[in-house]
Amino acid sequence: MPWVYLMLAGVFEIAWAVSLKYAQGFTRAVPSAVVIVTGFASFYLLGVAAARIPIGTAYAIWTGIGAVGTAILGMVLFGEPRNAMRLVSMVLVIAGIAGLKLFSK
C-alpha cells in the first residue's frame, strides 16, 4: 500500500503544480484553493508512504512523477516545447523512477 500512496502523492503533486499556473500568482481564488488542497494531499501522502519506503527513494520517485507529469501537461495544456531532447530527458527520469522502484526493498 505505501507504493500506491506514493503514486497518488505524485499525481497530487502534478495537480498542484499545474494549478499553480492557473492560480496566476494566487490572484484567482478557485485555482489557488486547488493548489492548497492538492499540495496538502501530496505532502500528506508522501509522508504516509515515507513511513514504509526509504525517504531517499520516496522523495526521488515523488519528485520524478511530479516533474515528468507536469512537463507533459505543460506541453499539452500550455504549448511548452516538445523537442526530442526534452522527451529523451523525461524518458531518463522515468527510467530512474523505475530503477529506484525495482531496487528498493
PDB file of N, CA and C in Angstrom:
ATOM      1  N   MET A   1       0.800  -1.212   0.000  1.00  0.00           N
ATOM      2  CA  MET A   1       0.000   0.000   0.000  1.00  0.00           C
ATOM      3  C   MET A   1       0.846   1.282   0.000  1.00  0.00           C
ATOM      4  N   PRO A   2       2.044   1.287   0.598  1.00  0.00           N
ATOM      5  CA  PRO A   2       2.822   2.529   0.579  1.00  0.00           C
ATOM      6  C   PRO A   2       3.170   3.003  -0.832  1.00  0.00           C
ATOM      7  N   TRP A   3       3.359   2.041  -1.754  1.00  0.00           N
ATOM      8  CA  TRP A   3       3.673   2.432  -3.127  1.00  0.00           C
ATOM      9  C   TRP A   3       2.470   3.077  -3.804  1.00  0.00           C
ATOM     10  N   VAL A   4       1.280   2.628  -3.475  1.00  0.00           N
ATOM     11  CA  VAL A   4       0.059   3.253  -4.003  1.00  0.00           C
ATOM     12  C   VAL A   4      -0.044   4.683  -3.475  1.00  0.00           C
ATOM     13  N   TYR A   5       0.224   4.855  -2.178  1.00  0.00           N
ATOM     14  CA  TYR A   5       0.195   6.207  -1.605  1.00  0.00           C
ATOM     15  C   TYR A   5       1.219   7.108  -2.271  1.00  0.00           C
ATOM     16  N   LEU A   6       2.380   6.554  -2.564  1.00  0.00           N
ATOM     17  CA  LEU A   6       3.420   7.355  -3.215  1.00  0.00           C
ATOM     18  C   LEU A   6       3.002   7.760  -4.622  1.00  0.00           C
ATOM     19  N   MET A   7       2.400   6.850  -5.363  1.00  0.00           N
ATOM     20  CA  MET A   7       1.936   7.188  -6.716  1.00  0.00           C
ATOM     21  C   MET A   7       0.843   8.265  -6.655  1.00  0.00           C
ATOM     22  N   LEU A   8      -0.075   8.121  -5.718  1.00  0.00           N
ATOM     23  CA  LEU A   8      -1.123   9.139  -5.555  1.00  0.00           C
ATOM     24  C   LEU A   8      -0.524  10.482  -5.149  1.00  0.00           C
ATOM     25  N   ALA A   9       0.485  10.439  -4.286  1.00  0.00           N
ATOM     26  CA  ALA A   9       1.165  11.677  -3.893  1.00  0.00           C
ATOM     27  C   ALA A   9       1.758  12.357  -5.124  1.00  0.00           C
ATOM     28  N   GLY A  10       2.328  11.568  -6.028  1.00  0.00           N
ATOM     29  CA  GLY A  10       2.883  12.117  -7.266  1.00  0.00           C
ATOM     30  C   GLY A  10       1.815  12.735  -8.152  1.00  0.00           C
ATOM     31  N   VAL A  11       0.668  12.091  -8.231  1.00  0.00           N
ATOM     32  CA  VAL A  11      -0.445  12.633  -9.027  1.00  0.00           C
ATOM     33  C   VAL A  11      -0.921  13.967  -8.434  1.00  0.00           C
ATOM     34  N   PHE A  12      -1.028  14.013  -7.104  1.00  0.00           N
ATOM     35  CA  PHE A  12      -1.426  15.271  -6.469  1.00  0.00           C
ATOM     36  C   PHE A  12      -0.357  16.347  -6.650  1.00  0.00           C
ATOM     37  N   GLU A  13       0.912  15.949  -6.713  1.00  0.00           N
ATOM     38  CA  GLU A  13       1.965  16.930  -6.972  1.00  0.00           C
ATOM     39  C   GLU A  13       1.790  17.551  -8.356  1.00  0.00           C
ATOM     40  N   ILE A  14       1.472  16.721  -9.329  1.00  0.00           N
ATOM     41  CA  ILE A  14       1.217  17.233 -10.682  1.00  0.00           C
ATOM     42  C   ILE A  14       0.042  18.212 -10.644  1.00  0.00           C
ATOM     43  N   ALA A  15      -1.012  17.831  -9.926  1.00  0.00           N
ATOM     44  CA  ALA A  15      -2.211  18.677  -9.851  1.00  0.00           C
ATOM     45  C   ALA A  15      -1.900  20.042  -9.245  1.00  0.00           C
ATOM     46  N   TRP A  16      -1.118  20.075  -8.144  1.00  0.00           N
ATOM     47  CA  TRP A  16      -0.868  21.387  -7.541  1.00  0.00           C
ATOM     48  C   TRP A  16       0.081  22.211  -8.398  1.00  0.00           C
ATOM     49  N   ALA A  17       1.019  21.555  -9.069  1.00  0.00           N
ATOM     50  CA  ALA A  17       1.945  22.308  -9.912  1.00  0.00           C
ATOM     51  C   ALA A  17       1.219  22.945 -11.104  1.00  0.00           C
ATOM     52  N   VAL A  18       0.344  22.185 -11.739  1.00  0.00           N
ATOM     53  CA  VAL A  18      -0.415  22.728 -12.876  1.00  0.00           C
ATOM     54  C   VAL A  18      -1.400  23.792 -12.392  1.00  0.00           C
ATOM     55  N   SER A  19      -2.017  23.555 -11.251  1.00  0.00           N
ATOM     56  CA  SER A  19      -2.951  24.543 -10.693  1.00  0.00           C
ATOM     57  C   SER A  19      -2.252  25.856 -10.372  1.00  0.00           C
ATOM     58  N   LEU A  20      -0.976  25.767 -10.028  1.00  0.00           N
ATOM     59  CA  LEU A  20      -0.196  26.967  -9.732  1.00  0.00           C
ATOM     60  C   LEU A  20      -0.176  27.907 -10.937  1.00  0.00           C
ATOM     61  N   LYS A  21      -0.090  27.341 -12.126  1.00  0.00           N
ATOM     62  CA  LYS A  21      -0.116  28.149 -13.348  1.00  0.00           C
ATOM     63  C   LYS A  21      -1.468  28.854 -13.493  1.00  0.00           C
ATOM     64  N   TYR A  22      -2.538  28.119 -13.250  1.00  0.00           N
ATOM     65  CA  TYR A  22      -3.878  28.693 -13.356  1.00  0.00           C
ATOM     66  C   TYR A  22      -4.175  29.699 -12.249  1.00  0.00           C
ATOM     67  N   ALA A  23      -3.511  29.572 -11.101  1.00  0.00           N
ATOM     68  CA  ALA A  23      -3.747  30.485  -9.978  1.00  0.00           C
ATOM     69  C   ALA A  23      -3.210  31.890 -10.252  1.00  0.00           C
ATOM     70  N   GLN A  24      -2.334  32.014 -11.247  1.00  0.00           N
ATOM     71  CA  GLN A  24      -1.771  33.309 -11.656  1.00  0.00           C
ATOM     72  C   GLN A  24      -1.268  34.115 -10.453  1.00  0.00           C
ATOM     73  N   GLY A  25      -0.298  33.528  -9.756  1.00  0.00           N
ATOM     74  CA  GLY A  25       0.283  34.228  -8.612  1.00  0.00           C
ATOM     75  C   GLY A  25      -0.668  34.334  -7.434  1.00  0.00           C
ATOM     76  N   PHE A  26      -1.537  33.376  -7.276  1.00  0.00           N
ATOM     77  CA  PHE A  26      -2.549  33.333  -6.218  1.00  0.00           C
ATOM     78  C   PHE A  26      -3.525  34.514  -6.291  1.00  0.00           C
ATOM     79  N   THR A  27      -3.794  34.958  -7.513  1.00  0.00           N
ATOM     80  CA  THR A  27      -4.774  36.039  -7.707  1.00  0.00           C
ATOM     81  C   THR A  27      -6.147  35.501  -8.072  1.00  0.00           C
ATOM     82  N   ARG A  28      -6.252  34.193  -8.337  1.00  0.00           N
ATOM     83  CA  ARG A  28      -7.530  33.577  -8.676  1.00  0.00           C
ATOM     84  C   ARG A  28      -7.896  32.590  -7.582  1.00  0.00           C
ATOM     85  N   ALA A  29      -9.061  32.757  -6.989  1.00  0.00           N
ATOM     86  CA  ALA A  29      -9.448  32.033  -5.776  1.00  0.00           C
ATOM     87  C   ALA A  29      -9.549  30.521  -5.960  1.00  0.00           C
ATOM     88  N   VAL A  30     -10.298  30.066  -6.950  1.00  0.00           N
ATOM     89  CA  VAL A  30     -10.527  28.627  -7.091  1.00  0.00           C
ATOM     90  C   VAL A  30      -9.228  27.882  -7.414  1.00  0.00           C
ATOM     91  N   PRO A  31      -8.465  28.311  -8.413  1.00  0.00           N
ATOM     92  CA  PRO A  31      -7.208  27.596  -8.643  1.00  0.00           C
ATOM     93  C   PRO A  31      -6.252  27.681  -7.447  1.00  0.00           C
ATOM     94  N   SER A  32      -6.268  28.782  -6.728  1.00  0.00           N
ATOM     95  CA  SER A  32      -5.426  28.909  -5.535  1.00  0.00           C
ATOM     96  C   SER A  32      -5.841  27.908  -4.472  1.00  0.00           C
ATOM     97  N   ALA A  33      -7.133  27.717  -4.307  1.00  0.00           N
ATOM     98  CA  ALA A  33      -7.628  26.725  -3.346  1.00  0.00           C
ATOM     99  C   ALA A  33      -7.234  25.319  -3.780  1.00  0.00           C
ATOM    100  N   VAL A  34      -7.278  25.054  -5.077  1.00  0.00           N
ATOM    101  CA  VAL A  34      -6.868  23.741  -5.589  1.00  0.00           C
ATOM    102  C   VAL A  34      -5.384  23.513  -5.300  1.00  0.00           C
ATOM    103  N   VAL A  35      -4.562  24.544  -5.469  1.00  0.00           N
ATOM    104  CA  VAL A  35      -3.131  24.425  -5.145  1.00  0.00           C
ATOM    105  C   VAL A  35      -2.953  24.010  -3.689  1.00  0.00           C
ATOM    106  N   ILE A  36      -3.654  24.666  -2.793  1.00  0.00           N
ATOM    107  CA  ILE A  36      -3.503  24.399  -1.361  1.00  0.00           C
ATOM    108  C   ILE A  36      -3.985  22.992  -1.004  1.00  0.00           C
ATOM    109  N   VAL A  37      -5.150  22.612  -1.502  1.00  0.00           N
ATOM    110  CA  VAL A  37      -5.718  21.300  -1.168  1.00  0.00           C
ATOM    111  C   VAL A  37      -4.877  20.167  -1.760  1.00  0.00           C
ATOM    112  N   THR A  38      -4.523  20.282  -3.034  1.00  0.00           N
ATOM    113  CA  THR A  38      -3.750  19.205  -3.659  1.00  0.00           C
ATOM    114  C   THR A  38      -2.318  19.176  -3.130  1.00  0.00           C
ATOM    115  N   GLY A  39      -1.777  20.337  -2.791  1.00  0.00           N
ATOM    116  CA  GLY A  39      -0.445  20.379  -2.188  1.00  0.00           C
ATOM    117  C   GLY A  39      -0.437  19.669  -0.846  1.00  0.00           C
ATOM    118  N   PHE A  40      -1.433  19.947  -0.016  1.00  0.00           N
ATOM    119  CA  PHE A  40      -1.533  19.264   1.278  1.00  0.00           C
ATOM    120  C   PHE A  40      -1.684  17.760   1.083  1.00  0.00           C
ATOM    121  N   ALA A  41      -2.556  17.360   0.161  1.00  0.00           N
ATOM    122  CA  ALA A  41      -2.772  15.922  -0.087  1.00  0.00           C
ATOM    123  C   ALA A  41      -1.474  15.257  -0.548  1.00  0.00           C
ATOM    124  N   SER A  42      -0.733  15.929  -1.415  1.00  0.00           N
ATOM    125  CA  SER A  42       0.516  15.390  -1.915  1.00  0.00           C
ATOM    126  C   SER A  42       1.528  15.190  -0.786  1.00  0.00           C
ATOM    127  N   PHE A  43       1.718  16.209   0.045  1.00  0.00           N
ATOM    128  CA  PHE A  43       2.670  16.105   1.153  1.00  0.00           C
ATOM    129  C   PHE A  43       2.218  15.061   2.179  1.00  0.00           C
ATOM    130  N   TYR A  44       0.933  15.019   2.451  1.00  0.00           N
ATOM    131  CA  TYR A  44       0.410  14.041   3.408  1.00  0.00           C
ATOM    132  C   TYR A  44       0.677  12.623   2.925  1.00  0.00           C
ATOM    133  N   LEU A  45       0.319  12.346   1.668  1.00  0.00           N
ATOM    134  CA  LEU A  45       0.509  11.002   1.126  1.00  0.00           C
ATOM    135  C   LEU A  45       1.991  10.644   1.020  1.00  0.00           C
ATOM    136  N   LEU A  46       2.833  11.613   0.705  1.00  0.00           N
ATOM    137  CA  LEU A  46       4.273  11.373   0.700  1.00  0.00           C
ATOM    138  C   LEU A  46       4.731  10.963   2.098  1.00  0.00           C
ATOM    139  N   GLY A  47       4.255  11.661   3.100  1.00  0.00           N
ATOM    140  CA  GLY A  47       4.615  11.328   4.478  1.00  0.00           C
ATOM    141  C   GLY A  47       4.161   9.939   4.878  1.00  0.00           C
ATOM    142  N   VAL A  48       2.958   9.571   4.488  1.00  0.00           N
ATOM    143  CA  VAL A  48       2.443   8.231   4.798  1.00  0.00           C
ATOM    144  C   VAL A  48       3.300   7.171   4.096  1.00  0.00           C
ATOM    145  N   ALA A  49       3.605   7.406   2.837  1.00  0.00           N
ATOM    146  CA  ALA A  49       4.421   6.441   2.088  1.00  0.00           C
ATOM    147  C   ALA A  49       5.830   6.347   2.662  1.00  0.00           C
ATOM    148  N   ALA A  50       6.396   7.482   3.058  1.00  0.00           N
ATOM    149  CA  ALA A  50       7.773   7.505   3.560  1.00  0.00           C
ATOM    150  C   ALA A  50       7.923   6.801   4.903  1.00  0.00           C
ATOM    151  N   ALA A  51       6.823   6.523   5.566  1.00  0.00           N
ATOM    152  CA  ALA A  51       6.896   5.760   6.809  1.00  0.00           C
ATOM    153  C   ALA A  51       7.342   4.320   6.541  1.00  0.00           C
ATOM    154  N   ARG A  52       7.122   3.838   5.319  1.00  0.00           N
ATOM    155  CA  ARG A  52       7.453   2.432   4.989  1.00  0.00           C
ATOM    156  C   ARG A  52       8.455   2.303   3.841  1.00  0.00           C
ATOM    157  N   ILE A  53       8.679   3.378   3.101  1.00  0.00           N
ATOM    158  CA  ILE A  53       9.623   3.375   1.980  1.00  0.00           C
ATOM    159  C   ILE A  53      10.789   4.275   2.391  1.00  0.00           C
ATOM    160  N   PRO A  54      12.033   3.911   2.071  1.00  0.00           N
ATOM    161  CA  PRO A  54      13.153   4.794   2.400  1.00  0.00           C
ATOM    162  C   PRO A  54      12.917   6.213   1.854  1.00  0.00           C
ATOM    163  N   ILE A  55      13.221   7.219   2.660  1.00  0.00           N
ATOM    164  CA  ILE A  55      12.900   8.597   2.295  1.00  0.00           C
ATOM    165  C   ILE A  55      13.587   9.037   0.997  1.00  0.00           C
ATOM    166  N   GLY A  56      14.832   8.613   0.792  1.00  0.00           N
ATOM    167  CA  GLY A  56      15.514   8.981  -0.449  1.00  0.00           C
ATOM    168  C   GLY A  56      14.801   8.440  -1.672  1.00  0.00           C
ATOM    169  N   THR A  57      14.351   7.205  -1.575  1.00  0.00           N
ATOM    170  CA  THR A  57      13.612   6.582  -2.667  1.00  0.00           C
ATOM    171  C   THR A  57      12.256   7.252  -2.850  1.00  0.00           C
ATOM    172  N   ALA A  58      11.527   7.426  -1.754  1.00  0.00           N
ATOM    173  CA  ALA A  58      10.186   8.022  -1.828  1.00  0.00           C
ATOM    174  C   ALA A  58      10.251   9.429  -2.403  1.00  0.00           C
ATOM    175  N   TYR A  59      11.171  10.238  -1.907  1.00  0.00           N
ATOM    176  CA  TYR A  59      11.254  11.626  -2.360  1.00  0.00           C
ATOM    177  C   TYR A  59      11.658  11.697  -3.829  1.00  0.00           C
ATOM    178  N   ALA A  60      12.640  10.893  -4.233  1.00  0.00           N
ATOM    179  CA  ALA A  60      13.080  10.913  -5.625  1.00  0.00           C
ATOM    180  C   ALA A  60      11.963  10.480  -6.572  1.00  0.00           C
ATOM    181  N   ILE A  61      11.232   9.440  -6.200  1.00  0.00           N
ATOM    182  CA  ILE A  61      10.131   8.977  -7.049  1.00  0.00           C
ATOM    183  C   ILE A  61       9.018  10.023  -7.088  1.00  0.00           C
ATOM    184  N   TRP A  62       8.695  10.601  -5.942  1.00  0.00           N
ATOM    185  CA  TRP A  62       7.650  11.638  -5.862  1.00  0.00           C
ATOM    186  C   TRP A  62       7.995  12.824  -6.760  1.00  0.00           C
ATOM    187  N   THR A  63       9.230  13.308  -6.654  1.00  0.00           N
ATOM    188  CA  THR A  63       9.613  14.454  -7.492  1.00  0.00           C
ATOM    189  C   THR A  63       9.684  14.065  -8.965  1.00  0.00           C
ATOM    190  N   GLY A  64      10.110  12.837  -9.252  1.00  0.00           N
ATOM    191  CA  GLY A  64      10.181  12.389 -10.642  1.00  0.00           C
ATOM    192  C   GLY A  64       8.807  12.310 -11.289  1.00  0.00           C
ATOM    193  N   ILE A  65       7.854  11.740 -10.557  1.00  0.00           N
ATOM    194  CA  ILE A  65       6.478  11.681 -11.069  1.00  0.00           C
ATOM    195  C   ILE A  65       5.967  13.099 -11.320  1.00  0.00           C
ATOM    196  N   GLY A  66       6.190  13.966 -10.354  1.00  0.00           N
ATOM    197  CA  GLY A  66       5.733  15.347 -10.492  1.00  0.00           C
ATOM    198  C   GLY A  66       6.394  16.075 -11.647  1.00  0.00           C
ATOM    199  N   ALA A  67       7.699  15.885 -11.798  1.00  0.00           N
ATOM    200  CA  ALA A  67       8.435  16.572 -12.862  1.00  0.00           C
ATOM    201  C   ALA A  67       7.984  16.115 -14.243  1.00  0.00           C
ATOM    202  N   VAL A  68       7.911  14.813 -14.433  1.00  0.00           N
ATOM    203  CA  VAL A  68       7.527  14.291 -15.752  1.00  0.00           C
ATOM    204  C   VAL A  68       6.063  14.608 -16.052  1.00  0.00           C
ATOM    205  N   GLY A  69       5.187  14.377 -15.080  1.00  0.00           N
ATOM    206  CA  GLY A  69       3.766  14.662 -15.301  1.00  0.00           C
ATOM    207  C   GLY A  69       3.503  16.131 -15.580  1.00  0.00           C
ATOM    208  N   THR A  70       4.175  16.999 -14.838  1.00  0.00           N
ATOM    209  CA  THR A  70       3.989  18.439 -15.043  1.00  0.00           C
ATOM    210  C   THR A  70       4.561  18.869 -16.390  1.00  0.00           C
ATOM    211  N   ALA A  71       5.692  18.300 -16.770  1.00  0.00           N
ATOM    212  CA  ALA A  71       6.272  18.631 -18.077  1.00  0.00           C
ATOM    213  C   ALA A  71       5.346  18.201 -19.221  1.00  0.00           C
ATOM    214  N   ILE A  72       4.776  17.006 -19.093  1.00  0.00           N
ATOM    215  CA  ILE A  72       3.843  16.530 -20.130  1.00  0.00           C
ATOM    216  C   ILE A  72       2.620  17.444 -20.207  1.00  0.00           C
ATOM    217  N   LEU A  73       2.037  17.756 -19.054  1.00  0.00           N
ATOM    218  CA  LEU A  73       0.865  18.639 -19.069  1.00  0.00           C
ATOM    219  C   LEU A  73       1.226  20.057 -19.521  1.00  0.00           C
ATOM    220  N   GLY A  74       2.443  20.487 -19.241  1.00  0.00           N
ATOM    221  CA  GLY A  74       2.886  21.785 -19.756  1.00  0.00           C
ATOM    222  C   GLY A  74       2.889  21.805 -21.275  1.00  0.00           C
ATOM    223  N   MET A  75       3.306  20.711 -21.870  1.00  0.00           N
ATOM    224  CA  MET A  75       3.296  20.610 -23.335  1.00  0.00           C
ATOM    225  C   MET A  75       1.870  20.579 -23.871  1.00  0.00           C
ATOM    226  N   VAL A  76       1.019  19.790 -23.214  1.00  0.00           N
ATOM    227  CA  VAL A  76      -0.355  19.606 -23.685  1.00  0.00           C
ATOM    228  C   VAL A  76      -1.211  20.842 -23.443  1.00  0.00           C
ATOM    229  N   LEU A  77      -1.137  21.401 -22.240  1.00  0.00           N
ATOM    230  CA  LEU A  77      -2.040  22.488 -21.865  1.00  0.00           C
ATOM    231  C   LEU A  77      -1.520  23.886 -22.188  1.00  0.00           C
ATOM    232  N   PHE A  78      -0.183  24.053 -22.147  1.00  0.00           N
ATOM    233  CA  PHE A  78       0.372  25.397 -22.261  1.00  0.00           C
ATOM    234  C   PHE A  78       1.282  25.595 -23.467  1.00  0.00           C
ATOM    235  N   GLY A  79       1.350  24.584 -24.333  1.00  0.00           N
ATOM    236  CA  GLY A  79       2.131  24.713 -25.558  1.00  0.00           C
ATOM    237  C   GLY A  79       3.631  24.808 -25.329  1.00  0.00           C
ATOM    238  N   GLU A  80       4.120  24.217 -24.250  1.00  0.00           N
ATOM    239  CA  GLU A  80       5.555  24.241 -23.991  1.00  0.00           C
ATOM    240  C   GLU A  80       6.273  23.392 -25.037  1.00  0.00           C
ATOM    241  N   PRO A  81       7.572  23.639 -25.240  1.00  0.00           N
ATOM    242  CA  PRO A  81       8.317  22.936 -26.303  1.00  0.00           C
ATOM    243  C   PRO A  81       8.245  21.418 -26.180  1.00  0.00           C
ATOM    244  N   ARG A  82       8.204  20.767 -27.362  1.00  0.00           N
ATOM    245  CA  ARG A  82       8.153  19.302 -27.439  1.00  0.00           C
ATOM    246  C   ARG A  82       9.319  18.793 -28.280  1.00  0.00           C
ATOM    247  N   ASN A  83      10.509  19.189 -27.947  1.00  0.00           N
ATOM    248  CA  ASN A  83      11.637  18.746 -28.760  1.00  0.00           C
ATOM    249  C   ASN A  83      12.178  17.409 -28.269  1.00  0.00           C
ATOM    250  N   ALA A  84      12.987  16.791 -29.108  1.00  0.00           N
ATOM    251  CA  ALA A  84      13.479  15.432 -28.841  1.00  0.00           C
ATOM    252  C   ALA A  84      14.264  15.351 -27.535  1.00  0.00           C
ATOM    253  N   MET A  85      15.093  16.316 -27.247  1.00  0.00           N
ATOM    254  CA  MET A  85      15.917  16.241 -26.040  1.00  0.00           C
ATOM    255  C   MET A  85      15.076  16.348 -24.763  1.00  0.00           C
ATOM    256  N   ARG A  86      14.006  17.119 -24.808  1.00  0.00           N
ATOM    257  CA  ARG A  86      13.102  17.157 -23.644  1.00  0.00           C
ATOM    258  C   ARG A  86      12.459  15.796 -23.432  1.00  0.00           C
ATOM    259  N   LEU A  87      12.014  15.183 -24.508  1.00  0.00           N
ATOM    260  CA  LEU A  87      11.377  13.871 -24.408  1.00  0.00           C
ATOM    261  C   LEU A  87      12.367  12.810 -23.937  1.00  0.00           C
ATOM    262  N   VAL A  88      13.585  12.842 -24.452  1.00  0.00           N
ATOM    263  CA  VAL A  88      14.611  11.893 -24.016  1.00  0.00           C
ATOM    264  C   VAL A  88      14.892  12.107 -22.526  1.00  0.00           C
ATOM    265  N   SER A  89      14.964  13.343 -22.099  1.00  0.00           N
ATOM    266  CA  SER A  89      15.211  13.644 -20.690  1.00  0.00           C
ATOM    267  C   SER A  89      14.101  13.089 -19.803  1.00  0.00           C
ATOM    268  N   MET A  90      12.857  13.213 -20.245  1.00  0.00           N
ATOM    269  CA  MET A  90      11.746  12.651 -19.467  1.00  0.00           C
ATOM    270  C   MET A  90      11.828  11.128 -19.413  1.00  0.00           C
ATOM    271  N   VAL A  91      12.224  10.503 -20.508  1.00  0.00           N
ATOM    272  CA  VAL A  91      12.388   9.042 -20.511  1.00  0.00           C
ATOM    273  C   VAL A  91      13.474   8.638 -19.511  1.00  0.00           C
ATOM    274  N   LEU A  92      14.534   9.414 -19.424  1.00  0.00           N
ATOM    275  CA  LEU A  92      15.592   9.110 -18.459  1.00  0.00           C
ATOM    276  C   LEU A  92      15.094   9.225 -17.020  1.00  0.00           C
ATOM    277  N   VAL A  93      14.261  10.227 -16.755  1.00  0.00           N
ATOM    278  CA  VAL A  93      13.686  10.359 -15.413  1.00  0.00           C
ATOM    279  C   VAL A  93      12.795   9.154 -15.109  1.00  0.00           C
ATOM    280  N   ILE A  94      11.982   8.754 -16.073  1.00  0.00           N
ATOM    281  CA  ILE A  94      11.112   7.592 -15.887  1.00  0.00           C
ATOM    282  C   ILE A  94      11.951   6.338 -15.641  1.00  0.00           C
ATOM    283  N   ALA A  95      13.053   6.194 -16.369  1.00  0.00           N
ATOM    284  CA  ALA A  95      13.941   5.043 -16.151  1.00  0.00           C
ATOM    285  C   ALA A  95      14.513   5.084 -14.739  1.00  0.00           C
ATOM    286  N   GLY A  96      14.844   6.266 -14.253  1.00  0.00           N
ATOM    287  CA  GLY A  96      15.347   6.400 -12.893  1.00  0.00           C
ATOM    288  C   GLY A  96      14.286   6.026 -11.861  1.00  0.00           C
ATOM    289  N   ILE A  97      13.064   6.450 -12.099  1.00  0.00           N
ATOM    290  CA  ILE A  97      11.965   6.098 -11.193  1.00  0.00           C
ATOM    291  C   ILE A  97      11.780   4.579 -11.168  1.00  0.00           C
ATOM    292  N   ALA A  98      11.790   3.967 -12.337  1.00  0.00           N
ATOM    293  CA  ALA A  98      11.628   2.512 -12.418  1.00  0.00           C
ATOM    294  C   ALA A  98      12.769   1.803 -11.707  1.00  0.00           C
ATOM    295  N   GLY A  99      13.983   2.294 -11.882  1.00  0.00           N
ATOM    296  CA  GLY A  99      15.148   1.688 -11.233  1.00  0.00           C
ATOM    297  C   GLY A  99      15.050   1.785  -9.721  1.00  0.00           C
ATOM    298  N   LEU A 100      14.650   2.945  -9.227  1.00  0.00           N
ATOM    299  CA  LEU A 100      14.501   3.102  -7.779  1.00  0.00           C
ATOM    300  C   LEU A 100      13.448   2.147  -7.227  1.00  0.00           C
ATOM    301  N   LYS A 101      12.351   2.000  -7.944  1.00  0.00           N
ATOM    302  CA  LYS A 101      11.297   1.088  -7.505  1.00  0.00           C
ATOM    303  C   LYS A 101      11.785  -0.360  -7.530  1.00  0.00           C
ATOM    304  N   LEU A 102      12.443  -0.743  -8.611  1.00  0.00           N
ATOM    305  CA  LEU A 102      12.895  -2.132  -8.761  1.00  0.00           C
ATOM    306  C   LEU A 102      13.945  -2.533  -7.732  1.00  0.00           C
ATOM    307  N   PHE A 103      14.807  -1.597  -7.365  1.00  0.00           N
ATOM    308  CA  PHE A 103      15.912  -1.936  -6.486  1.00  0.00           C
ATOM    309  C   PHE A 103      15.736  -1.439  -5.060  1.00  0.00           C
ATOM    310  N   SER A 104      14.486  -1.158  -4.672  1.00  0.00           N
ATOM    311  CA  SER A 104      14.187  -0.780  -3.298  1.00  0.00           C
ATOM    312  C   SER A 104      13.539  -1.951  -2.594  1.00  0.00           C
ATOM    313  N   LYS A 105      13.758  -2.019  -1.306  1.00  0.00           N
ATOM    314  CA  LYS A 105      13.143  -3.104  -0.518  1.00  0.00           C
ATOM    315  C   LYS A 105      11.687  -2.809  -0.269  1.00  0.00           C
TER     316      LYS A 105
END
